[in-house]
Amino acid sequence: MDSLRIKFLDLYKINNQHIAEISDAVNKVIKSGWYILGNETSKFETLFSEYCNTKYCIGTSNGLASLILIIRAYKELGVLCNGDEIIVAANTYIATILAISENKLKPILVEPDIVTYNISALEIEKKITKKTKAILVVHLYGQCANMKNIDKIAKKYNLKIIEDAAQAHGAIYNYIKAGNLGDAAGFSFYPGKNLGAMGDAGAVTTNSKKLYKTIIALRNYGSTQKYVNEYKGLNNRLDEIQAAILQIKLKYLDNENQKRRKIAKYYLNNINNKHIILPSKNGKHHVWHLFVIRTKERNNLQEYLKNNNIETLIHYPIPPHKQLAYKEFNNIKLPITEKIHSQVLSIPLNLVLNKKEIKYIVTILNKFN
């Protein structure tokens, strides 16, 4: 046991499971001589839209770009305007909020549910004003938010629902997959995600033809016909190599998510320490992008785990409203968010953990005092 050294994430080992297929796919792209917006991107878009059961998918350069493009497209369509408000969970990664402010809209930060860490539907309704035009829902750590109640609120106030599904590939709520739970969704395929590329990559899913056509243009300089620009667009395209890699890895996503669930179940059933608060057991379709525990003794626990050769990470140490980038929000009091950010610790949960390592992690956690 003492010889074990457990990385939080070993991307080489994870990708090496499919290396022969990935190498063949990459070589095929190289030999094709076509590297941007070609057949591989189109194929992946079709496969991923089918996977999410949406009408459309648009490959993008990364997850932040996906969210920026959705909001920007709604502005081009006259649905959103500068200064409009978008409600968003306060405890998300800063990228979610950057997508709002980058489009010159105002993020309205809402406290999460302390049990699920997802945005609280009750708190959403308290923050709605005449300027509120959308709710940006984050399915944090791989668990879908309470979409039934959020959908009711959106319908009541005629609000758009935008999903940040960056951590929720394959997650399901009431038999509907993340990516098809709102009006549009942004995905990240950052290498460490459940569906991870080998570089930056992302996608938008939607059932709206108008939104789809607008984003298709916006991601490519505002153009659908070469040298003809309908919009002041961006360069946020998914490249052919990443699209080819993602096609390979998509085939294994459901099985790999099931493996994550098994590891999470073992943790939930066997970690037993009065100092540690485990994640909610709710939601059998949680895909466990991260297994996040909470403790008042975070610094001590992290150091203890490090001394026992277990690598951990903090997602995320500083909430967005306390970042210098958003100094206009620095004086806002969000006690639940601040409590979460001061106590959370992510322990290893990945596809290359073996039984010996999983049991070791549990044993060491249970001995902490």
Protein backbone atom coordinates (compact mmCIF):
# COMPACT_ATOMS: atom_id res chain seq x y z
CA MET A 1 0.00 0.00 0.00
CA ASP A 2 2.79 2.43 0.89
CA SER A 3 4.18 2.18 -2.65
CA LEU A 4 0.94 3.42 -4.24
CA ARG A 5 1.03 6.85 -5.83
CA ILE A 6 -2.36 7.91 -7.09
CA LYS A 7 -2.62 10.77 -9.55
CA PHE A 8 -5.79 12.80 -9.59
CA LEU A 9 -5.97 12.25 -13.35
CA ASP A 10 -3.67 10.38 -15.72
CA LEU A 11 -4.64 11.50 -19.21
CA TYR A 12 -1.92 9.45 -20.88
CA LYS A 13 -3.31 6.22 -19.43
CA ILE A 14 -6.89 7.22 -20.17
CA ASN A 15 -6.19 8.02 -23.82
CA ASN A 16 -3.84 5.08 -24.24
CA GLN A 17 -6.83 2.73 -23.87
CA HIS A 18 -7.97 3.85 -27.34
CA ILE A 19 -4.61 4.81 -28.82
CA ALA A 20 -4.73 2.54 -31.88
CA GLU A 21 -8.12 3.91 -33.00
CA ILE A 22 -7.12 7.48 -32.18
CA SER A 23 -3.86 7.16 -34.14
CA ASP A 24 -5.69 5.79 -37.16
CA ALA A 25 -8.26 8.60 -37.01
CA VAL A 26 -5.59 11.30 -36.72
CA ASN A 27 -3.53 9.82 -39.58
CA LYS A 28 -6.65 9.76 -41.75
CA VAL A 29 -7.13 13.48 -41.16
CA ILE A 30 -3.47 14.26 -41.83
CA LYS A 31 -3.57 12.35 -45.11
CA SER A 32 -6.81 14.05 -46.17
CA GLY A 33 -5.12 17.44 -46.37
CA TRP A 34 -8.30 19.11 -44.95
CA TYR A 35 -7.98 20.34 -41.37
CA ILE A 36 -10.76 22.87 -40.66
CA LEU A 37 -14.55 22.42 -41.07
CA GLY A 38 -14.43 19.23 -43.08
CA ASN A 39 -16.02 15.80 -43.05
CA GLU A 40 -14.80 14.84 -39.57
CA THR A 41 -16.40 17.87 -37.96
CA SER A 42 -19.66 17.23 -39.81
CA LYS A 43 -19.64 13.56 -38.77
CA PHE A 44 -19.01 14.41 -35.14
CA GLU A 45 -21.74 17.04 -35.15
CA THR A 46 -24.20 14.46 -36.47
CA LEU A 47 -23.13 11.81 -33.98
CA PHE A 48 -23.22 14.14 -31.00
CA SER A 49 -26.60 15.62 -31.88
CA GLU A 50 -27.93 12.05 -32.14
CA TYR A 51 -26.33 11.21 -28.80
CA CYS A 52 -27.96 14.20 -27.09
CA ASN A 53 -31.19 13.65 -29.08
CA THR A 54 -31.13 17.23 -30.39
CA LYS A 55 -31.77 18.39 -33.94
CA TYR A 56 -28.51 20.29 -34.25
CA CYS A 57 -24.93 20.34 -33.04
CA ILE A 58 -22.25 22.89 -33.88
CA GLY A 59 -18.61 22.05 -33.19
CA THR A 60 -16.68 24.89 -31.55
CA SER A 61 -13.18 25.63 -30.37
CA ASN A 62 -13.87 25.21 -26.62
CA GLY A 63 -16.52 25.30 -23.92
CA LEU A 64 -16.31 29.02 -23.20
CA ALA A 65 -16.66 29.75 -26.91
CA SER A 66 -19.78 27.57 -26.99
CA LEU A 67 -21.51 29.64 -24.32
CA ILE A 68 -20.32 32.94 -25.81
CA LEU A 69 -21.69 31.92 -29.21
CA ILE A 70 -25.10 30.97 -27.80
CA ILE A 71 -25.54 34.32 -26.08
CA ARG A 72 -24.11 36.23 -29.02
CA ALA A 73 -26.49 34.43 -31.40
CA TYR A 74 -29.45 35.36 -29.22
CA LYS A 75 -28.30 38.98 -29.44
CA GLU A 76 -28.11 38.78 -33.23
CA LEU A 77 -31.63 37.32 -33.26
CA GLY A 78 -32.94 40.14 -31.06
CA VAL A 79 -33.74 37.87 -28.12
CA LEU A 80 -31.06 39.43 -25.89
CA CYS A 81 -29.66 42.95 -25.72
CA ASN A 82 -26.75 44.68 -24.02
CA GLY A 83 -27.54 45.19 -20.33
CA ASP A 84 -30.02 42.31 -20.07
CA GLU A 85 -29.66 40.06 -17.06
CA ILE A 86 -28.84 36.35 -17.07
CA ILE A 87 -29.27 34.40 -13.86
CA VAL A 88 -26.39 32.01 -13.13
CA ALA A 89 -25.13 29.85 -10.27
CA ALA A 90 -22.63 31.74 -8.11
CA ASN A 91 -20.47 28.66 -7.44
CA THR A 92 -19.69 27.79 -11.04
CA TYR A 93 -16.33 27.96 -12.76
CA ILE A 94 -15.63 31.50 -13.92
CA ALA A 95 -15.99 30.59 -17.62
CA THR A 96 -19.78 30.40 -17.25
CA ILE A 97 -19.90 33.98 -16.02
CA LEU A 98 -17.32 35.21 -18.52
CA ALA A 99 -19.65 34.13 -21.34
CA ILE A 100 -22.28 36.55 -20.02
CA SER A 101 -20.06 39.56 -19.37
CA GLU A 102 -18.15 39.07 -22.64
CA ASN A 103 -21.46 39.68 -24.41
CA LYS A 104 -22.10 42.88 -22.40
CA LEU A 105 -24.93 41.30 -20.40
CA LYS A 106 -25.16 41.27 -16.61
CA PRO A 107 -24.60 38.07 -14.61
CA ILE A 108 -26.99 37.77 -11.67
CA LEU A 109 -25.35 35.42 -9.20
CA VAL A 110 -27.63 32.98 -7.39
CA GLU A 111 -26.83 30.72 -4.46
CA PRO A 112 -26.74 26.94 -5.02
CA ASP A 113 -28.45 24.17 -3.13
CA ILE A 114 -26.02 23.10 -0.39
CA VAL A 115 -26.85 19.42 -0.95
CA THR A 116 -26.51 19.11 -4.73
CA TYR A 117 -24.28 22.18 -5.33
CA ASN A 118 -26.49 23.02 -8.32
CA ILE A 119 -28.38 26.28 -8.71
CA SER A 120 -31.38 26.62 -6.37
CA ALA A 121 -34.71 27.01 -8.17
CA LEU A 122 -36.11 28.85 -5.14
CA GLU A 123 -33.29 31.39 -5.27
CA ILE A 124 -33.70 31.88 -9.02
CA GLU A 125 -37.23 33.24 -8.68
CA LYS A 126 -36.15 35.72 -6.00
CA LYS A 127 -33.67 37.31 -8.43
CA ILE A 128 -35.94 37.79 -11.45
CA THR A 129 -36.48 41.38 -12.59
CA LYS A 130 -37.86 43.07 -15.71
CA LYS A 131 -34.36 42.84 -17.21
CA THR A 132 -34.04 39.08 -16.69
CA LYS A 133 -34.04 37.30 -20.04
CA ALA A 134 -32.38 33.93 -19.42
CA ILE A 135 -31.21 31.35 -16.89
CA LEU A 136 -27.78 29.84 -17.46
CA VAL A 137 -27.99 26.45 -15.73
CA VAL A 138 -24.77 24.65 -14.81
CA HIS A 139 -24.92 20.86 -14.36
CA LEU A 140 -22.07 20.94 -11.87
CA TYR A 141 -19.71 17.99 -11.34
CA GLY A 142 -21.82 15.82 -13.70
CA GLN A 143 -25.25 15.99 -12.04
CA CYS A 144 -28.16 17.69 -13.80
CA ALA A 145 -29.80 20.60 -12.02
CA ASN A 146 -33.45 20.47 -10.91
CA MET A 147 -34.78 21.15 -14.38
CA LYS A 148 -38.44 20.47 -13.58
CA ASN A 149 -38.68 23.48 -11.30
CA ILE A 150 -36.34 25.61 -13.40
CA ASP A 151 -38.42 24.91 -16.50
CA LYS A 152 -41.57 26.02 -14.67
CA ILE A 153 -39.91 29.29 -13.73
CA ALA A 154 -38.63 29.84 -17.27
CA LYS A 155 -42.10 29.31 -18.73
CA LYS A 156 -43.72 31.54 -16.11
CA TYR A 157 -41.43 34.49 -16.88
CA ASN A 158 -40.75 33.71 -20.57
CA LEU A 159 -37.03 33.13 -20.05
CA LYS A 160 -34.54 31.24 -22.19
CA ILE A 161 -32.72 28.30 -20.61
CA ILE A 162 -29.07 27.91 -21.56
CA GLU A 163 -27.26 24.84 -20.26
CA ASP A 164 -23.62 24.81 -19.28
CA ALA A 165 -23.13 21.08 -19.81
CA ALA A 166 -19.33 21.21 -19.76
CA GLN A 167 -19.18 18.61 -16.97
CA ALA A 168 -22.28 16.61 -17.87
CA HIS A 169 -21.68 14.58 -21.04
CA GLY A 170 -24.24 11.79 -20.92
CA ALA A 171 -25.97 12.95 -17.74
CA ILE A 172 -29.73 12.40 -17.77
CA TYR A 173 -32.68 14.13 -16.09
CA ASN A 174 -36.13 12.54 -16.38
CA TYR A 175 -35.01 10.44 -19.36
CA ILE A 176 -33.65 13.52 -21.19
CA LYS A 177 -29.94 14.01 -21.73
CA ALA A 178 -27.99 17.10 -20.78
CA GLY A 179 -27.77 19.22 -23.90
CA ASN A 180 -31.48 18.79 -24.58
CA LEU A 181 -32.90 20.20 -21.34
CA GLY A 182 -33.12 23.83 -22.40
CA ASP A 183 -33.10 26.06 -25.47
CA ALA A 184 -29.39 25.55 -26.12
CA ALA A 185 -26.39 23.99 -24.41
CA GLY A 186 -22.67 24.56 -24.38
CA PHE A 187 -20.25 21.65 -24.02
CA SER A 188 -16.54 21.56 -23.35
CA PHE A 189 -14.35 18.69 -24.53
CA TYR A 190 -11.31 19.84 -22.58
CA PRO A 191 -9.00 16.79 -22.21
CA GLY A 192 -10.03 16.05 -18.61
CA LYS A 193 -13.77 15.93 -19.31
CA ASN A 194 -15.79 12.70 -19.46
CA LEU A 195 -15.75 13.15 -23.24
CA GLY A 196 -12.34 14.70 -23.66
CA ALA A 197 -10.45 15.73 -26.77
CA MET A 198 -6.65 15.87 -26.97
CA GLY A 199 -6.65 19.64 -27.07
CA ASP A 200 -9.31 22.33 -26.80
CA ALA A 201 -12.72 21.58 -28.29
CA GLY A 202 -16.40 22.25 -27.64
CA ALA A 203 -19.91 22.12 -29.07
CA VAL A 204 -23.34 23.72 -28.96
CA THR A 205 -26.53 21.66 -29.10
CA THR A 206 -29.99 23.05 -29.81
CA ASN A 207 -33.34 22.29 -31.45
CA SER A 208 -33.68 25.80 -32.86
CA LYS A 209 -32.96 26.08 -36.57
CA LYS A 210 -32.57 29.87 -36.35
CA LEU A 211 -30.08 29.61 -33.51
CA TYR A 212 -28.20 26.83 -35.29
CA LYS A 213 -27.84 28.81 -38.52
CA THR A 214 -26.71 31.91 -36.64
CA ILE A 215 -24.05 30.05 -34.63
CA ILE A 216 -22.81 28.20 -37.73
CA ALA A 217 -22.04 31.62 -39.21
CA LEU A 218 -20.77 33.29 -36.03
CA ARG A 219 -18.18 30.58 -35.30
CA ASN A 220 -16.65 31.14 -38.76
CA TYR A 221 -16.11 34.91 -38.98
CA GLY A 222 -19.86 35.49 -39.35
CA SER A 223 -19.84 33.68 -42.67
CA THR A 224 -21.51 30.67 -44.26
CA GLN A 225 -20.24 31.53 -47.75
CA LYS A 226 -16.54 32.25 -48.18
CA TYR A 227 -15.75 35.99 -48.11
CA VAL A 228 -19.41 36.85 -47.54
CA ASN A 229 -19.96 37.97 -43.94
CA GLU A 230 -23.45 38.25 -42.49
CA TYR A 231 -22.24 39.09 -38.96
CA LYS A 232 -19.22 40.51 -37.19
CA GLY A 233 -18.27 36.97 -36.29
CA LEU A 234 -15.62 35.07 -34.40
CA ASN A 235 -13.13 32.30 -35.11
CA ASN A 236 -14.36 29.50 -32.85
CA ARG A 237 -14.24 26.39 -35.04
CA LEU A 238 -13.75 22.77 -34.02
CA ASP A 239 -10.72 21.41 -35.89
CA GLU A 240 -10.77 18.16 -37.86
CA ILE A 241 -8.24 16.29 -35.72
CA GLN A 242 -10.17 16.92 -32.51
CA ALA A 243 -13.45 16.04 -34.25
CA ALA A 244 -11.96 12.72 -35.38
CA ILE A 245 -10.68 11.93 -31.88
CA LEU A 246 -14.04 12.79 -30.34
CA GLN A 247 -15.83 10.41 -32.70
CA ILE A 248 -13.69 7.57 -31.36
CA LYS A 249 -14.14 8.50 -27.72
CA LEU A 250 -17.90 9.08 -28.02
CA LYS A 251 -18.33 5.35 -28.73
CA TYR A 252 -17.06 4.54 -25.24
CA LEU A 253 -18.69 7.38 -23.28
CA ASP A 254 -21.68 5.51 -21.85
CA ASN A 255 -19.59 2.56 -20.69
CA GLU A 256 -17.02 4.88 -19.17
CA ASN A 257 -19.72 6.89 -17.38
CA GLN A 258 -21.04 3.63 -15.96
CA LYS A 259 -17.57 2.85 -14.62
CA ARG A 260 -17.51 6.27 -12.97
CA ARG A 261 -20.86 5.51 -11.32
CA LYS A 262 -19.51 2.24 -9.90
CA ILE A 263 -16.51 3.98 -8.37
CA ALA A 264 -18.72 6.74 -6.97
CA LYS A 265 -21.10 4.16 -5.49
CA TYR A 266 -18.19 2.44 -3.76
CA TYR A 267 -17.03 5.75 -2.31
CA LEU A 268 -20.54 6.67 -1.15
CA ASN A 269 -21.07 3.29 0.51
CA ASN A 270 -17.67 2.99 2.14
CA ILE A 271 -16.29 6.41 3.06
CA ASN A 272 -17.29 6.89 6.67
CA ASN A 273 -15.66 9.76 8.48
CA LYS A 274 -17.36 12.34 10.68
CA HIS A 275 -15.12 15.08 9.28
CA ILE A 276 -16.19 14.44 5.66
CA ILE A 277 -19.47 15.39 3.95
CA LEU A 278 -20.10 13.18 0.94
CA PRO A 279 -21.86 14.29 -2.26
CA SER A 280 -25.59 13.75 -2.61
CA LYS A 281 -26.64 10.22 -3.53
CA ASN A 282 -29.57 11.61 -5.54
CA GLY A 283 -29.64 11.10 -9.27
CA LYS A 284 -28.74 7.66 -10.62
CA HIS A 285 -27.87 9.33 -13.93
CA HIS A 286 -25.14 11.50 -12.42
CA VAL A 287 -22.00 10.99 -14.55
CA TRP A 288 -19.52 11.92 -11.82
CA HIS A 289 -17.17 14.15 -13.74
CA LEU A 290 -15.84 14.97 -10.28
CA PHE A 291 -16.29 13.36 -6.87
CA VAL A 292 -16.34 16.33 -4.53
CA ILE A 293 -16.33 15.98 -0.77
CA ARG A 294 -16.59 18.77 1.78
CA THR A 295 -14.80 19.30 5.07
CA LYS A 296 -13.98 22.12 7.46
CA GLU A 297 -10.51 20.57 7.64
CA ARG A 298 -9.76 20.91 3.94
CA ASN A 299 -6.16 22.08 4.17
CA ASN A 300 -5.30 19.42 6.73
CA LEU A 301 -7.09 16.70 4.78
CA GLN A 302 -5.44 17.66 1.49
CA GLU A 303 -2.00 17.63 3.12
CA TYR A 304 -2.77 14.31 4.81
CA LEU A 305 -3.80 12.76 1.50
CA LYS A 306 -0.71 14.17 -0.20
CA ASN A 307 1.47 12.60 2.50
CA ASN A 308 -0.28 9.32 1.72
CA ASN A 309 0.45 9.68 -2.01
CA ILE A 310 -3.09 10.61 -3.05
CA GLU A 311 -3.33 13.67 -5.30
CA THR A 312 -6.40 15.90 -4.93
CA LEU A 313 -7.63 19.14 -6.49
CA ILE A 314 -9.93 21.96 -5.39
CA HIS A 315 -12.81 22.82 -7.75
CA TYR A 316 -12.71 25.77 -7.09
CA PRO A 317 -10.77 27.60 -4.34
CA ILE A 318 -12.01 31.15 -5.08
CA PRO A 319 -15.63 31.87 -6.09
CA PRO A 320 -16.10 34.11 -9.14
CA HIS A 321 -17.53 37.01 -7.10
CA LYS A 322 -14.29 37.14 -5.08
CA GLN A 323 -12.02 37.19 -8.13
CA LEU A 324 -10.20 40.39 -9.11
CA ALA A 325 -11.66 40.00 -12.60
CA TYR A 326 -15.10 40.70 -11.08
CA LYS A 327 -14.16 43.31 -8.51
CA GLU A 328 -17.60 44.88 -9.01
CA PHE A 329 -19.02 41.83 -7.22
CA ASN A 330 -16.36 41.56 -4.49
CA ASN A 331 -18.61 43.03 -1.79
CA ILE A 332 -21.57 40.74 -2.52
CA LYS A 333 -22.34 38.32 0.31
CA LEU A 334 -23.07 34.77 -0.84
CA PRO A 335 -22.58 32.65 2.28
CA ILE A 336 -23.54 29.26 0.81
CA THR A 337 -21.28 29.76 -2.20
CA GLU A 338 -18.43 30.95 0.00
CA LYS A 339 -18.87 27.98 2.34
CA ILE A 340 -18.75 25.54 -0.57
CA HIS A 341 -15.64 27.10 -2.09
CA SER A 342 -13.85 27.07 1.27
CA GLN A 343 -14.62 23.40 2.00
CA VAL A 344 -14.73 21.38 -1.25
CA LEU A 345 -12.04 18.89 -2.19
CA SER A 346 -12.06 16.64 -5.26
CA ILE A 347 -10.67 13.14 -4.77
CA PRO A 348 -9.55 10.89 -7.64
CA LEU A 349 -12.32 9.34 -9.70
CA ASN A 350 -11.20 8.33 -13.16
CA LEU A 351 -11.27 5.45 -15.59
CA VAL A 352 -7.82 4.05 -14.85
CA LEU A 353 -8.19 3.66 -11.09
CA ASN A 354 -7.97 0.00 -10.12
CA LYS A 355 -9.71 -1.74 -7.20
CA LYS A 356 -6.60 -1.64 -5.02
CA GLU A 357 -6.27 2.12 -5.51
CA ILE A 358 -9.98 2.79 -4.89
CA LYS A 359 -9.92 0.76 -1.65
CA TYR A 360 -6.72 2.51 -0.59
CA ILE A 361 -8.29 5.95 -1.06
CA VAL A 362 -11.27 4.92 1.09
CA THR A 363 -9.06 3.41 3.78
CA ILE A 364 -6.90 6.52 4.03
CA LEU A 365 -9.93 8.84 4.11
CA ASN A 366 -11.54 6.81 6.88
CA LYS A 367 -8.39 7.06 9.00
CA PHE A 368 -8.29 10.86 8.86
CA ASN A 369 -8.99 12.52 12.20
